[in-house]
Protein backbone atom coordinates (compact mmCIF):
# COMPACT_ATOMS: atom_id res chain seq x y z
CA MET A 1 -82.05 18.45 18.82
CA LYS A 2 -78.35 17.75 19.25
CA PHE A 3 -77.23 14.11 19.21
CA ASP A 4 -74.30 13.36 21.51
CA GLY A 5 -72.05 10.33 21.21
CA GLN A 6 -71.40 7.90 18.38
CA ILE A 7 -73.94 7.86 15.59
CA PRO A 8 -75.07 4.31 14.80
CA ILE A 9 -74.89 3.36 11.12
CA ASP A 10 -78.60 2.57 11.21
CA HIS A 11 -79.57 6.01 12.53
CA PRO A 12 -82.96 6.85 10.91
CA SER A 13 -81.61 10.03 9.32
CA LEU A 14 -78.85 8.10 7.54
CA VAL A 15 -80.71 5.03 6.28
CA SER A 16 -82.28 6.51 3.12
CA PHE A 17 -79.29 8.80 2.58
CA LYS A 18 -76.89 5.81 2.51
CA LYS A 19 -79.19 3.76 0.31
CA GLY A 20 -79.10 6.44 -2.37
CA PHE A 21 -75.31 6.27 -2.54
CA PHE A 22 -75.01 2.51 -2.44
CA THR A 23 -77.57 1.45 -5.02
CA ASN A 24 -79.21 2.70 -8.16
CA THR A 25 -82.88 2.26 -7.26
CA ASP A 26 -83.83 1.60 -10.89
CA THR A 27 -81.37 -1.22 -11.50
CA ASN A 28 -80.28 -2.07 -7.94
CA GLU A 29 -76.74 -1.78 -9.27
CA LYS A 30 -73.97 -0.62 -6.94
CA LEU A 31 -72.90 2.67 -8.50
CA TRP A 32 -71.77 4.83 -5.60
CA PHE A 33 -68.02 4.30 -5.70
CA TYR A 34 -67.43 5.22 -9.33
CA ILE A 35 -70.01 7.92 -9.94
CA TYR A 36 -69.44 10.30 -7.06
CA PRO A 37 -66.01 11.74 -6.20
CA CYS A 38 -65.00 11.53 -2.55
CA TYR A 39 -65.16 15.33 -2.17
CA ALA A 40 -68.83 15.43 -3.15
CA MET A 41 -69.72 12.43 -1.01
CA ALA A 42 -67.82 13.79 2.01
CA SER A 43 -69.53 17.18 1.70
CA TYR A 44 -72.98 15.67 1.58
CA THR A 45 -72.16 13.22 4.39
CA ALA A 46 -70.94 16.11 6.56
CA TYR A 47 -74.19 17.97 5.87
CA GLU A 48 -76.31 14.96 6.86
CA ILE A 49 -74.28 14.38 10.03
CA ALA A 50 -74.49 18.08 10.92
CA LYS A 51 -78.27 17.75 10.79
CA ILE A 52 -77.96 15.04 13.47
CA LYS A 53 -75.21 16.50 15.68
CA ASN A 54 -75.57 20.22 14.78
CA PHE A 55 -71.99 20.18 13.45
CA CYS A 56 -69.56 18.09 11.45
CA TYR A 57 -66.09 18.56 9.98
CA LEU A 58 -65.18 18.15 6.35
CA ILE A 59 -61.54 17.01 6.11
CA GLU A 60 -59.83 17.26 2.73
CA SER A 61 -56.32 16.10 1.94
CA ASN A 62 -54.41 16.06 -1.33
CA ASN A 63 -55.99 12.76 -2.39
CA HIS A 64 -59.11 12.13 -0.28
CA ALA A 65 -61.98 13.75 1.61
CA VAL A 66 -64.08 12.47 4.51
CA ALA A 67 -66.58 13.67 7.09
CA TYR A 68 -65.57 13.66 10.76
CA ASP A 69 -68.21 13.98 13.48
CA GLY A 70 -65.79 14.65 16.33
CA ILE A 71 -65.51 10.95 17.13
CA ASP A 72 -65.65 8.89 13.93
CA THR A 73 -64.55 9.28 10.30
CA TRP A 74 -67.37 8.71 7.80
CA ASP A 75 -66.13 7.65 4.38
CA LEU A 76 -68.95 6.82 2.01
CA LYS A 77 -66.53 6.67 -0.92
CA SER A 78 -64.88 3.72 0.79
CA GLY A 79 -68.17 2.38 2.16
CA PHE A 80 -67.41 2.47 5.88
CA VAL A 81 -67.15 4.37 9.14
CA VAL A 82 -63.86 4.24 11.02
CA ARG A 83 -64.79 4.36 14.70
CA ASN A 84 -62.70 6.48 17.08
CA PHE A 85 -60.52 7.69 14.21
CA ARG A 86 -59.71 11.11 12.77
CA TYR A 87 -58.44 11.04 9.20
CA PRO A 88 -55.48 11.30 8.52
CA ARG A 89 -54.09 11.98 11.99
CA ASP A 90 -54.60 8.62 13.68
CA ASP A 91 -53.26 5.19 12.83
CA PHE A 92 -55.75 3.14 10.84
CA SER A 93 -56.89 -0.32 11.88
CA LEU A 94 -59.41 -2.59 10.18
CA ASP A 95 -60.66 -3.41 13.68
CA LYS A 96 -62.13 0.12 13.82
CA VAL A 97 -64.05 -0.25 10.54
CA GLU A 98 -67.82 -0.62 10.45
CA TYR A 99 -69.12 -1.25 6.94
CA LEU A 100 -72.10 0.76 5.80
CA HIS A 101 -73.47 -1.90 3.48
CA ASP A 102 -73.39 -5.65 4.04
CA ALA A 103 -72.56 -6.52 0.44
CA ILE A 104 -69.63 -4.17 0.03
CA ARG A 105 -66.08 -4.68 1.30
CA PRO A 106 -64.03 -2.26 -0.83
CA LYS A 107 -60.47 -3.39 -0.10
CA LYS A 108 -59.12 -1.21 -2.90
CA PHE A 109 -60.17 1.95 -1.02
CA VAL A 110 -58.55 0.79 2.21
CA GLU A 111 -55.28 0.27 0.35
CA LYS A 112 -55.57 3.51 -1.64
CA PHE A 113 -56.57 5.90 1.16
CA TYR A 114 -55.72 4.23 4.49
CA SER A 115 -52.44 2.42 3.96
CA GLU A 116 -49.57 3.69 6.10
CA GLU A 117 -48.04 5.34 3.02
CA ALA A 118 -51.30 7.04 1.98
CA LEU A 119 -51.94 8.40 5.47
CA GLU A 120 -48.37 9.66 5.75
CA ALA A 121 -48.65 11.37 2.35
CA ALA A 122 -51.92 13.01 3.45
CA ARG A 123 -50.34 14.17 6.72
CA SER A 124 -47.32 15.67 4.97
CA ASN A 125 -49.41 17.85 2.64
CA HIS A 126 -51.93 20.58 3.21
CA ILE A 127 -55.07 19.46 5.06
CA ASN A 128 -58.21 21.59 4.84
CA ILE A 129 -60.66 21.23 7.73
CA SER A 130 -64.02 22.99 7.53
CA ARG A 131 -66.54 22.97 10.36
CA LEU A 132 -70.13 22.79 9.18
CA LYS A 133 -72.87 23.94 11.54
CA TYR A 134 -76.52 23.17 11.06
CA TYR A 135 -79.10 25.64 12.26
CA LYS A 136 -82.69 24.59 12.31
């Protein structure tokens, strides 16, 4: 069944998926941001969102990759969703950020991937956009 509208961060299909990225279940250590590259995380995020909405976009720039559901940008590498934002086209605002885990506020990723300079650099280089469709 197709899900229309914004996906809440506590959507049942995303809860266990997010938990696997944010913690090592054996040690409860936060490992997600230094084990998985953004390209792998964005691909898997796009797949999970496509299962909910029947489609999702994988957006890859020269230095970052995210999933875009047609409304919001999902960035598990950075640990948040940017509501009503399409990477790297739109202007970024922290007011649009919804964190995916209460304990994590990765400022270094905001500065690295979402600063005005980083977004402009991404816009000025080749952007690859792939549409993923999910057929049940």
